[in-house]
Amino acid sequence: MTTADDEPTALRARCGPHLARLAVLAGSPPGTPLPAGTAAEVSEAAGEVLAQAEQAVSAAAARQQAAGEFLTTRLARLKAAAGDAVTAARSGDAAALRACLRQFDALTSALWTVHEAVTVPAPRPPRPDRRAAPGREARGENRRRAATPPRASAHEPSRHAGSRLYRAASRESDTPGA
């Protein structure tokens, strides 16, 4: 089950296999004819990417109207690029298909980048320290001090060999008759 926070990531991840299929088609060497069924494959893969992008854009529009309008414009450009790619595949123009698929890939990447930027929640401002006395913040006295190790009591020698209590305890144990 996806939550609202990881939904954009899941939607983008679902596009990965389809974008990989399109990248393979775009990576064919120049001069090679398009295999039969390329138009159907381009149409299917681009359609899946568009479906995920539409879902993400509608979710963003429900949260923020301005972000939704901006992403809707980007989605329209992505749909146009998908249409151009399908048209190039149907006409059998391999060079035009490669160019259209590169543009589709760039527009898809841009859409997801913008989507993540406008839908990531803004960081919360730091909470004020309620223990701060008035005027202490200006002097920098409100900072927490580093924890200091507890001091040894007079009855318990310190763990440090150079400490005064350790030397005193050592002298008492060294004196005869004690």
N, C-alpha and C. Protein backbone atom coordinates (compact mmCIF):
# COMPACT_ATOMS: atom_id res chain seq x y z
N MET A 1 0.84 -1.18 0.00
CA MET A 1 0.00 0.00 0.00
C MET A 1 0.88 1.24 0.00
N THR A 2 0.61 2.15 -0.90
CA THR A 2 1.41 3.37 -0.98
C THR A 2 0.72 4.49 -0.23
N THR A 3 1.52 5.33 0.37
CA THR A 3 0.99 6.48 1.07
C THR A 3 1.12 7.70 0.17
N ALA A 4 0.59 8.82 0.63
CA ALA A 4 0.65 10.04 -0.17
C ALA A 4 2.09 10.50 -0.38
N ASP A 5 2.98 10.20 0.59
CA ASP A 5 4.36 10.65 0.47
C ASP A 5 5.16 9.82 -0.54
N ASP A 6 4.92 8.51 -0.61
CA ASP A 6 5.72 7.70 -1.53
C ASP A 6 5.00 7.44 -2.84
N GLU A 7 3.79 7.95 -3.03
CA GLU A 7 3.04 7.73 -4.26
C GLU A 7 3.76 8.29 -5.49
N PRO A 8 4.28 9.53 -5.47
CA PRO A 8 4.99 10.01 -6.66
C PRO A 8 6.18 9.14 -7.02
N THR A 9 6.87 8.64 -6.04
CA THR A 9 8.02 7.78 -6.30
C THR A 9 7.56 6.47 -6.93
N ALA A 10 6.46 5.93 -6.44
CA ALA A 10 5.94 4.68 -6.99
C ALA A 10 5.44 4.89 -8.42
N LEU A 11 4.78 6.00 -8.67
CA LEU A 11 4.30 6.28 -10.02
C LEU A 11 5.47 6.42 -10.99
N ARG A 12 6.50 7.11 -10.55
CA ARG A 12 7.67 7.28 -11.41
C ARG A 12 8.36 5.94 -11.65
N ALA A 13 8.43 5.11 -10.62
CA ALA A 13 9.08 3.81 -10.76
C ALA A 13 8.33 2.93 -11.75
N ARG A 14 7.02 3.04 -11.80
CA ARG A 14 6.24 2.24 -12.75
C ARG A 14 6.51 2.64 -14.19
N CYS A 15 7.02 3.84 -14.40
CA CYS A 15 7.35 4.29 -15.76
C CYS A 15 8.67 3.69 -16.25
N GLY A 16 9.52 3.26 -15.35
CA GLY A 16 10.85 2.80 -15.70
C GLY A 16 10.91 1.75 -16.80
N PRO A 17 10.17 0.64 -16.68
CA PRO A 17 10.25 -0.38 -17.74
C PRO A 17 9.78 0.14 -19.10
N HIS A 18 8.78 1.00 -19.09
CA HIS A 18 8.26 1.53 -20.35
C HIS A 18 9.25 2.51 -20.99
N LEU A 19 9.88 3.32 -20.15
CA LEU A 19 10.90 4.23 -20.67
C LEU A 19 12.11 3.46 -21.20
N ALA A 20 12.42 2.34 -20.55
CA ALA A 20 13.53 1.51 -21.02
C ALA A 20 13.22 0.92 -22.40
N ARG A 21 11.99 0.48 -22.60
CA ARG A 21 11.59 -0.03 -23.92
C ARG A 21 11.74 1.05 -24.98
N LEU A 22 11.31 2.27 -24.64
CA LEU A 22 11.43 3.37 -25.60
C LEU A 22 12.89 3.72 -25.87
N ALA A 23 13.73 3.62 -24.84
CA ALA A 23 15.15 3.93 -25.00
C ALA A 23 15.81 2.92 -25.94
N VAL A 24 15.40 1.66 -25.86
CA VAL A 24 15.94 0.64 -26.76
C VAL A 24 15.56 0.97 -28.19
N LEU A 25 14.32 1.39 -28.38
CA LEU A 25 13.88 1.75 -29.73
C LEU A 25 14.62 2.99 -30.24
N ALA A 26 14.87 3.94 -29.35
CA ALA A 26 15.57 5.17 -29.75
C ALA A 26 17.05 4.92 -30.00
N GLY A 27 17.58 3.85 -29.43
CA GLY A 27 19.01 3.57 -29.56
C GLY A 27 19.37 2.75 -30.77
N SER A 28 18.41 2.47 -31.64
CA SER A 28 18.74 1.68 -32.83
C SER A 28 19.69 2.48 -33.73
N PRO A 29 20.63 1.82 -34.36
CA PRO A 29 21.62 2.54 -35.18
C PRO A 29 20.95 3.23 -36.38
N PRO A 30 21.51 4.37 -36.78
CA PRO A 30 20.94 5.08 -37.93
C PRO A 30 20.97 4.19 -39.19
N GLY A 31 19.95 4.32 -39.97
CA GLY A 31 19.88 3.57 -41.22
C GLY A 31 19.21 2.23 -41.10
N THR A 32 18.94 1.77 -39.88
CA THR A 32 18.27 0.47 -39.73
C THR A 32 16.76 0.69 -39.86
N PRO A 33 16.10 -0.18 -40.58
CA PRO A 33 14.65 -0.02 -40.71
C PRO A 33 13.95 -0.39 -39.41
N LEU A 34 12.81 0.18 -39.21
CA LEU A 34 12.04 -0.10 -38.00
C LEU A 34 11.41 -1.49 -38.09
N PRO A 35 11.48 -2.27 -37.03
CA PRO A 35 10.84 -3.58 -37.07
C PRO A 35 9.32 -3.45 -37.13
N ALA A 36 8.67 -4.49 -37.59
CA ALA A 36 7.20 -4.49 -37.65
C ALA A 36 6.65 -4.41 -36.23
N GLY A 37 5.62 -3.67 -36.05
CA GLY A 37 4.98 -3.53 -34.74
C GLY A 37 5.59 -2.45 -33.87
N THR A 38 6.53 -1.69 -34.42
CA THR A 38 7.17 -0.63 -33.64
C THR A 38 6.15 0.43 -33.22
N ALA A 39 5.25 0.79 -34.12
CA ALA A 39 4.27 1.82 -33.80
C ALA A 39 3.39 1.39 -32.64
N ALA A 40 2.98 0.13 -32.61
CA ALA A 40 2.14 -0.37 -31.53
C ALA A 40 2.93 -0.38 -30.21
N GLU A 41 4.20 -0.76 -30.30
CA GLU A 41 5.03 -0.80 -29.10
C GLU A 41 5.27 0.61 -28.55
N VAL A 42 5.54 1.56 -29.43
CA VAL A 42 5.73 2.95 -29.00
C VAL A 42 4.44 3.49 -28.40
N SER A 43 3.33 3.21 -29.04
CA SER A 43 2.04 3.69 -28.55
C SER A 43 1.73 3.12 -27.17
N GLU A 44 1.97 1.83 -26.99
CA GLU A 44 1.68 1.19 -25.70
C GLU A 44 2.58 1.73 -24.59
N ALA A 45 3.89 1.78 -24.85
CA ALA A 45 4.84 2.24 -23.82
C ALA A 45 4.61 3.70 -23.47
N ALA A 46 4.43 4.55 -24.48
CA ALA A 46 4.19 5.97 -24.21
C ALA A 46 2.86 6.16 -23.49
N GLY A 47 1.86 5.34 -23.86
CA GLY A 47 0.57 5.43 -23.18
C GLY A 47 0.66 5.09 -21.70
N GLU A 48 1.47 4.09 -21.36
CA GLU A 48 1.65 3.72 -19.95
C GLU A 48 2.35 4.84 -19.18
N VAL A 49 3.35 5.42 -19.79
CA VAL A 49 4.06 6.54 -19.13
C VAL A 49 3.09 7.71 -18.94
N LEU A 50 2.31 8.00 -19.96
CA LEU A 50 1.35 9.10 -19.86
C LEU A 50 0.30 8.83 -18.78
N ALA A 51 -0.14 7.58 -18.65
CA ALA A 51 -1.13 7.25 -17.62
C ALA A 51 -0.58 7.52 -16.22
N GLN A 52 0.67 7.13 -15.98
CA GLN A 52 1.28 7.38 -14.67
C GLN A 52 1.47 8.88 -14.43
N ALA A 53 1.89 9.58 -15.47
CA ALA A 53 2.10 11.03 -15.34
C ALA A 53 0.78 11.75 -15.10
N GLU A 54 -0.28 11.34 -15.78
CA GLU A 54 -1.59 11.96 -15.57
C GLU A 54 -2.07 11.75 -14.15
N GLN A 55 -1.86 10.56 -13.62
CA GLN A 55 -2.25 10.27 -12.24
C GLN A 55 -1.48 11.16 -11.26
N ALA A 56 -0.19 11.32 -11.49
CA ALA A 56 0.62 12.16 -10.61
C ALA A 56 0.21 13.63 -10.71
N VAL A 57 -0.08 14.09 -11.92
CA VAL A 57 -0.46 15.49 -12.11
C VAL A 57 -1.82 15.76 -11.47
N SER A 58 -2.75 14.84 -11.59
CA SER A 58 -4.05 15.07 -10.97
C SER A 58 -3.95 15.07 -9.45
N ALA A 59 -3.07 14.23 -8.89
CA ALA A 59 -2.86 14.23 -7.44
C ALA A 59 -2.24 15.55 -6.99
N ALA A 60 -1.29 16.05 -7.77
CA ALA A 60 -0.65 17.32 -7.42
C ALA A 60 -1.64 18.48 -7.54
N ALA A 61 -2.51 18.43 -8.56
CA ALA A 61 -3.49 19.49 -8.75
C ALA A 61 -4.50 19.52 -7.61
N ALA A 62 -4.80 18.36 -7.05
CA ALA A 62 -5.73 18.31 -5.92
C ALA A 62 -5.12 18.95 -4.68
N ARG A 63 -3.80 18.88 -4.55
CA ARG A 63 -3.13 19.47 -3.38
C ARG A 63 -2.85 20.95 -3.56
N GLN A 64 -2.35 21.32 -4.73
CA GLN A 64 -1.97 22.72 -4.99
C GLN A 64 -2.42 23.10 -6.39
N GLN A 65 -3.28 24.09 -6.48
CA GLN A 65 -3.83 24.47 -7.78
C GLN A 65 -2.76 25.01 -8.72
N ALA A 66 -1.88 25.87 -8.24
CA ALA A 66 -0.85 26.46 -9.10
C ALA A 66 0.10 25.39 -9.63
N ALA A 67 0.48 24.47 -8.77
CA ALA A 67 1.36 23.38 -9.21
C ALA A 67 0.65 22.51 -10.23
N GLY A 68 -0.63 22.27 -10.02
CA GLY A 68 -1.40 21.46 -10.95
C GLY A 68 -1.48 22.09 -12.33
N GLU A 69 -1.67 23.40 -12.38
CA GLU A 69 -1.74 24.09 -13.68
C GLU A 69 -0.39 24.01 -14.40
N PHE A 70 0.68 24.20 -13.67
CA PHE A 70 2.01 24.14 -14.26
C PHE A 70 2.31 22.74 -14.79
N LEU A 71 1.99 21.73 -13.99
CA LEU A 71 2.24 20.36 -14.41
C LEU A 71 1.32 19.93 -15.56
N THR A 72 0.11 20.47 -15.59
CA THR A 72 -0.81 20.16 -16.68
C THR A 72 -0.25 20.66 -18.01
N THR A 73 0.39 21.81 -18.00
CA THR A 73 1.02 22.33 -19.21
C THR A 73 2.16 21.42 -19.66
N ARG A 74 2.96 20.95 -18.71
CA ARG A 74 4.05 20.03 -19.04
C ARG A 74 3.50 18.71 -19.56
N LEU A 75 2.39 18.26 -18.98
CA LEU A 75 1.77 17.02 -19.43
C LEU A 75 1.26 17.14 -20.87
N ALA A 76 0.74 18.30 -21.22
CA ALA A 76 0.27 18.52 -22.59
C ALA A 76 1.44 18.43 -23.57
N ARG A 77 2.60 18.97 -23.20
CA ARG A 77 3.79 18.87 -24.06
C ARG A 77 4.24 17.42 -24.19
N LEU A 78 4.13 16.66 -23.09
CA LEU A 78 4.51 15.26 -23.11
C LEU A 78 3.58 14.45 -24.02
N LYS A 79 2.28 14.76 -23.96
CA LYS A 79 1.32 14.08 -24.84
C LYS A 79 1.60 14.38 -26.31
N ALA A 80 1.95 15.61 -26.60
CA ALA A 80 2.27 15.98 -27.98
C ALA A 80 3.51 15.23 -28.47
N ALA A 81 4.51 15.11 -27.61
CA ALA A 81 5.73 14.38 -27.99
C ALA A 81 5.42 12.89 -28.21
N ALA A 82 4.54 12.34 -27.39
CA ALA A 82 4.15 10.94 -27.56
C ALA A 82 3.42 10.76 -28.90
N GLY A 83 2.54 11.69 -29.21
CA GLY A 83 1.84 11.63 -30.49
C GLY A 83 2.79 11.72 -31.68
N ASP A 84 3.77 12.60 -31.57
CA ASP A 84 4.78 12.73 -32.64
C ASP A 84 5.58 11.44 -32.81
N ALA A 85 5.91 10.79 -31.69
CA ALA A 85 6.68 9.55 -31.75
C ALA A 85 5.87 8.44 -32.43
N VAL A 86 4.60 8.35 -32.08
CA VAL A 86 3.75 7.33 -32.70
C VAL A 86 3.60 7.61 -34.20
N THR A 87 3.42 8.87 -34.56
CA THR A 87 3.31 9.24 -35.98
C THR A 87 4.59 8.88 -36.74
N ALA A 88 5.75 9.17 -36.15
CA ALA A 88 7.02 8.84 -36.80
C ALA A 88 7.18 7.33 -36.94
N ALA A 89 6.74 6.57 -35.94
CA ALA A 89 6.85 5.11 -36.01
C ALA A 89 5.92 4.56 -37.09
N ARG A 90 4.73 5.12 -37.20
CA ARG A 90 3.78 4.65 -38.23
C ARG A 90 4.28 4.95 -39.64
N SER A 91 4.97 6.08 -39.78
CA SER A 91 5.49 6.43 -41.11
C SER A 91 6.77 5.68 -41.45
N GLY A 92 7.36 5.02 -40.45
CA GLY A 92 8.58 4.24 -40.69
C GLY A 92 9.84 5.08 -40.70
N ASP A 93 9.78 6.31 -40.23
CA ASP A 93 10.93 7.21 -40.22
C ASP A 93 11.73 6.99 -38.93
N ALA A 94 12.79 6.21 -39.03
CA ALA A 94 13.59 5.85 -37.86
C ALA A 94 14.29 7.06 -37.24
N ALA A 95 14.81 7.95 -38.07
CA ALA A 95 15.52 9.13 -37.55
C ALA A 95 14.55 10.04 -36.79
N ALA A 96 13.38 10.26 -37.35
CA ALA A 96 12.39 11.10 -36.67
C ALA A 96 11.91 10.42 -35.38
N LEU A 97 11.77 9.10 -35.40
CA LEU A 97 11.36 8.37 -34.20
C LEU A 97 12.40 8.53 -33.09
N ARG A 98 13.68 8.40 -33.45
CA ARG A 98 14.73 8.58 -32.45
C ARG A 98 14.67 9.97 -31.84
N ALA A 99 14.50 10.99 -32.68
CA ALA A 99 14.43 12.37 -32.18
C ALA A 99 13.21 12.56 -31.28
N CYS A 100 12.07 12.03 -31.69
CA CYS A 100 10.84 12.16 -30.89
C CYS A 100 10.96 11.44 -29.55
N LEU A 101 11.58 10.26 -29.56
CA LEU A 101 11.72 9.50 -28.31
C LEU A 101 12.72 10.16 -27.37
N ARG A 102 13.75 10.78 -27.92
CA ARG A 102 14.68 11.54 -27.04
C ARG A 102 13.95 12.72 -26.41
N GLN A 103 13.13 13.40 -27.20
CA GLN A 103 12.36 14.52 -26.66
C GLN A 103 11.36 14.02 -25.62
N PHE A 104 10.70 12.91 -25.89
CA PHE A 104 9.75 12.34 -24.94
C PHE A 104 10.44 12.00 -23.63
N ASP A 105 11.62 11.41 -23.72
CA ASP A 105 12.38 11.06 -22.51
C ASP A 105 12.77 12.32 -21.72
N ALA A 106 13.22 13.35 -22.43
CA ALA A 106 13.61 14.59 -21.74
C ALA A 106 12.41 15.25 -21.08
N LEU A 107 11.28 15.26 -21.76
CA LEU A 107 10.07 15.88 -21.19
C LEU A 107 9.54 15.07 -20.00
N THR A 108 9.66 13.75 -20.08
CA THR A 108 9.23 12.91 -18.96
C THR A 108 10.10 13.18 -17.74
N SER A 109 11.39 13.23 -17.95
CA SER A 109 12.31 13.52 -16.84
C SER A 109 12.02 14.89 -16.24
N ALA A 110 11.79 15.88 -17.09
CA ALA A 110 11.49 17.23 -16.60
C ALA A 110 10.18 17.26 -15.82
N LEU A 111 9.18 16.54 -16.31
CA LEU A 111 7.89 16.52 -15.61
C LEU A 111 8.05 15.93 -14.21
N TRP A 112 8.77 14.81 -14.10
CA TRP A 112 8.94 14.18 -12.79
C TRP A 112 9.79 15.05 -11.86
N THR A 113 10.78 15.71 -12.41
CA THR A 113 11.61 16.59 -11.58
C THR A 113 10.79 17.73 -11.02
N VAL A 114 9.99 18.36 -11.87
CA VAL A 114 9.14 19.46 -11.41
C VAL A 114 8.09 18.93 -10.44
N HIS A 115 7.54 17.78 -10.73
CA HIS A 115 6.52 17.20 -9.84
C HIS A 115 7.07 16.99 -8.44
N GLU A 116 8.26 16.43 -8.36
CA GLU A 116 8.87 16.21 -7.05
C GLU A 116 9.17 17.53 -6.35
N ALA A 117 9.58 18.53 -7.11
CA ALA A 117 9.92 19.82 -6.51
C ALA A 117 8.70 20.53 -5.94
N VAL A 118 7.56 20.41 -6.61
CA VAL A 118 6.38 21.15 -6.14
C VAL A 118 5.53 20.35 -5.17
N THR A 119 5.75 19.04 -5.08
CA THR A 119 4.92 18.26 -4.17
C THR A 119 5.62 17.85 -2.89
N VAL A 120 6.91 18.05 -2.80
CA VAL A 120 7.63 17.73 -1.57
C VAL A 120 7.22 18.76 -0.52
N PRO A 121 6.78 18.30 0.65
CA PRO A 121 6.38 19.26 1.67
C PRO A 121 7.55 20.12 2.13
N ALA A 122 7.24 21.37 2.39
CA ALA A 122 8.27 22.31 2.86
C ALA A 122 8.70 21.92 4.26
N PRO A 123 9.98 22.10 4.58
CA PRO A 123 10.43 21.76 5.93
C PRO A 123 9.77 22.66 6.96
N ARG A 124 9.48 22.08 8.09
CA ARG A 124 8.85 22.84 9.16
C ARG A 124 9.89 23.76 9.81
N PRO A 125 9.45 24.95 10.21
CA PRO A 125 10.39 25.83 10.91
C PRO A 125 10.72 25.24 12.27
N PRO A 126 11.90 25.56 12.79
CA PRO A 126 12.27 25.01 14.10
C PRO A 126 11.33 25.51 15.18
N ARG A 127 11.07 24.65 16.12
CA ARG A 127 10.19 25.02 17.23
C ARG A 127 10.99 25.86 18.23
N PRO A 128 10.36 26.90 18.78
CA PRO A 128 11.08 27.71 19.77
C PRO A 128 11.30 26.92 21.05
N ASP A 129 12.45 27.19 21.68
CA ASP A 129 12.77 26.53 22.93
C ASP A 129 11.96 27.19 24.03
N ARG A 130 11.09 26.43 24.62
CA ARG A 130 10.20 27.01 25.64
C ARG A 130 10.91 27.26 26.96
N ARG A 131 12.06 26.66 27.13
CA ARG A 131 12.79 26.87 28.39
C ARG A 131 13.64 28.13 28.36
N ALA A 132 13.69 28.78 27.23
CA ALA A 132 14.56 29.94 27.09
C ALA A 132 14.01 31.12 27.88
N ALA A 133 14.88 31.73 28.62
CA ALA A 133 14.51 32.94 29.35
C ALA A 133 14.62 34.12 28.39
N PRO A 134 13.81 35.14 28.56
CA PRO A 134 13.89 36.29 27.66
C PRO A 134 15.29 36.90 27.70
N GLY A 135 15.81 37.19 26.53
CA GLY A 135 17.11 37.83 26.44
C GLY A 135 18.27 36.86 26.36
N ARG A 136 18.07 35.62 26.73
CA ARG A 136 19.18 34.65 26.70
C ARG A 136 19.54 34.27 25.27
N GLU A 137 18.55 34.26 24.36
CA GLU A 137 18.84 33.88 22.99
C GLU A 137 19.78 34.88 22.33
N ALA A 138 19.61 36.15 22.63
CA ALA A 138 20.44 37.18 22.01
C ALA A 138 21.89 37.03 22.45
N ARG A 139 22.12 36.58 23.68
CA ARG A 139 23.48 36.43 24.17
C ARG A 139 24.07 35.06 23.83
N GLY A 140 23.28 34.19 23.22
CA GLY A 140 23.79 32.87 22.86
C GLY A 140 23.87 31.92 24.03
N GLU A 141 23.18 32.23 25.13
CA GLU A 141 23.25 31.38 26.30
C GLU A 141 22.23 30.25 26.26
N ASN A 142 21.41 30.23 25.26
CA ASN A 142 20.34 29.25 25.22
C ASN A 142 20.79 27.93 24.60
N ARG A 143 22.01 27.86 24.16
CA ARG A 143 22.50 26.64 23.54
C ARG A 143 22.67 25.55 24.59
N ARG A 144 22.40 24.35 24.17
CA ARG A 144 22.61 23.24 25.09
C ARG A 144 24.10 22.96 25.18
N ARG A 145 24.55 22.71 26.34
CA ARG A 145 25.96 22.44 26.54
C ARG A 145 26.22 20.95 26.39
N ALA A 146 27.42 20.63 25.98
CA ALA A 146 27.78 19.23 25.82
C ALA A 146 27.75 18.54 27.17
N ALA A 147 27.32 17.31 27.16
CA ALA A 147 27.23 16.55 28.41
C ALA A 147 28.63 16.32 28.96
N THR A 148 28.80 16.56 30.25
CA THR A 148 30.10 16.33 30.89
C THR A 148 29.98 15.05 31.71
N PRO A 149 31.06 14.31 31.80
CA PRO A 149 30.99 13.07 32.57
C PRO A 149 30.73 13.38 34.04
N PRO A 150 30.03 12.52 34.72
CA PRO A 150 29.77 12.76 36.15
C PRO A 150 31.06 12.75 36.94
N ARG A 151 31.10 13.57 37.96
CA ARG A 151 32.29 13.65 38.80
C ARG A 151 32.29 12.52 39.82
N ALA A 152 33.47 12.07 40.13
CA ALA A 152 33.59 11.00 41.12
C ALA A 152 33.35 11.57 42.51
N SER A 153 32.71 10.79 43.34
CA SER A 153 32.48 11.24 44.71
C SER A 153 33.74 11.01 45.53
N ALA A 154 33.76 11.54 46.71
CA ALA A 154 34.94 11.42 47.57
C ALA A 154 35.16 9.96 47.96
N HIS A 155 34.09 9.16 47.97
CA HIS A 155 34.22 7.76 48.39
C HIS A 155 34.56 6.83 47.22
N GLU A 156 34.48 7.33 46.02
CA GLU A 156 34.71 6.50 44.84
C GLU A 156 35.87 7.08 44.04
N PRO A 157 36.97 6.35 43.92
CA PRO A 157 38.10 6.89 43.16
C PRO A 157 37.75 7.05 41.68
N SER A 158 38.34 8.03 41.11
CA SER A 158 38.10 8.30 39.69
C SER A 158 38.76 7.22 38.84
N ARG A 159 38.28 7.07 37.65
CA ARG A 159 38.85 6.08 36.74
C ARG A 159 40.15 6.58 36.12
N HIS A 160 40.43 7.83 36.23
CA HIS A 160 41.62 8.39 35.62
C HIS A 160 42.79 8.33 36.59
N ALA A 161 43.91 7.76 36.10
CA ALA A 161 45.06 7.53 36.98
C ALA A 161 45.67 8.83 37.47
N GLY A 162 45.53 9.91 36.74
CA GLY A 162 46.15 11.16 37.14
C GLY A 162 45.28 12.00 38.04
N SER A 163 44.12 11.53 38.42
CA SER A 163 43.23 12.37 39.22
C SER A 163 43.68 12.42 40.66
N ARG A 164 43.27 13.49 41.32
CA ARG A 164 43.63 13.73 42.70
C ARG A 164 43.08 12.65 43.62
N LEU A 165 41.85 12.19 43.42
CA LEU A 165 41.26 11.16 44.27
C LEU A 165 41.98 9.83 44.11
N TYR A 166 42.40 9.53 42.91
CA TYR A 166 43.10 8.27 42.68
C TYR A 166 44.44 8.27 43.41
N ARG A 167 45.15 9.40 43.34
CA ARG A 167 46.44 9.49 44.02
C ARG A 167 46.26 9.41 45.53
N ALA A 168 45.22 10.04 46.05
CA ALA A 168 45.00 10.00 47.51
C ALA A 168 44.66 8.59 47.95
N ALA A 169 43.83 7.88 47.20
CA ALA A 169 43.46 6.51 47.56
C ALA A 169 44.68 5.59 47.47
N SER A 170 45.56 5.86 46.50
CA SER A 170 46.75 5.04 46.36
C SER A 170 47.69 5.24 47.53
N ARG A 171 47.81 6.48 48.00
CA ARG A 171 48.70 6.75 49.13
C ARG A 171 48.20 6.07 50.39
N GLU A 172 46.89 6.09 50.60
CA GLU A 172 46.32 5.46 51.80
C GLU A 172 46.56 3.97 51.76
N SER A 173 46.47 3.36 50.61
CA SER A 173 46.66 1.91 50.54
C SER A 173 48.14 1.55 50.63
N ASP A 174 49.05 2.50 50.32
CA ASP A 174 50.48 2.24 50.38
C ASP A 174 51.04 2.39 51.80
N THR A 175 50.34 3.12 52.67
CA THR A 175 50.86 3.34 54.02
C THR A 175 50.72 2.08 54.83
N PRO A 176 51.78 1.69 55.55
CA PRO A 176 51.71 0.47 56.37
C PRO A 176 50.77 0.67 57.55
N GLY A 177 50.09 -0.38 57.92
CA GLY A 177 49.20 -0.36 59.08
C GLY A 177 47.83 0.14 58.74
N ALA A 178 47.56 0.42 57.51
CA ALA A 178 46.24 0.92 57.16
C ALA A 178 45.28 -0.19 56.85
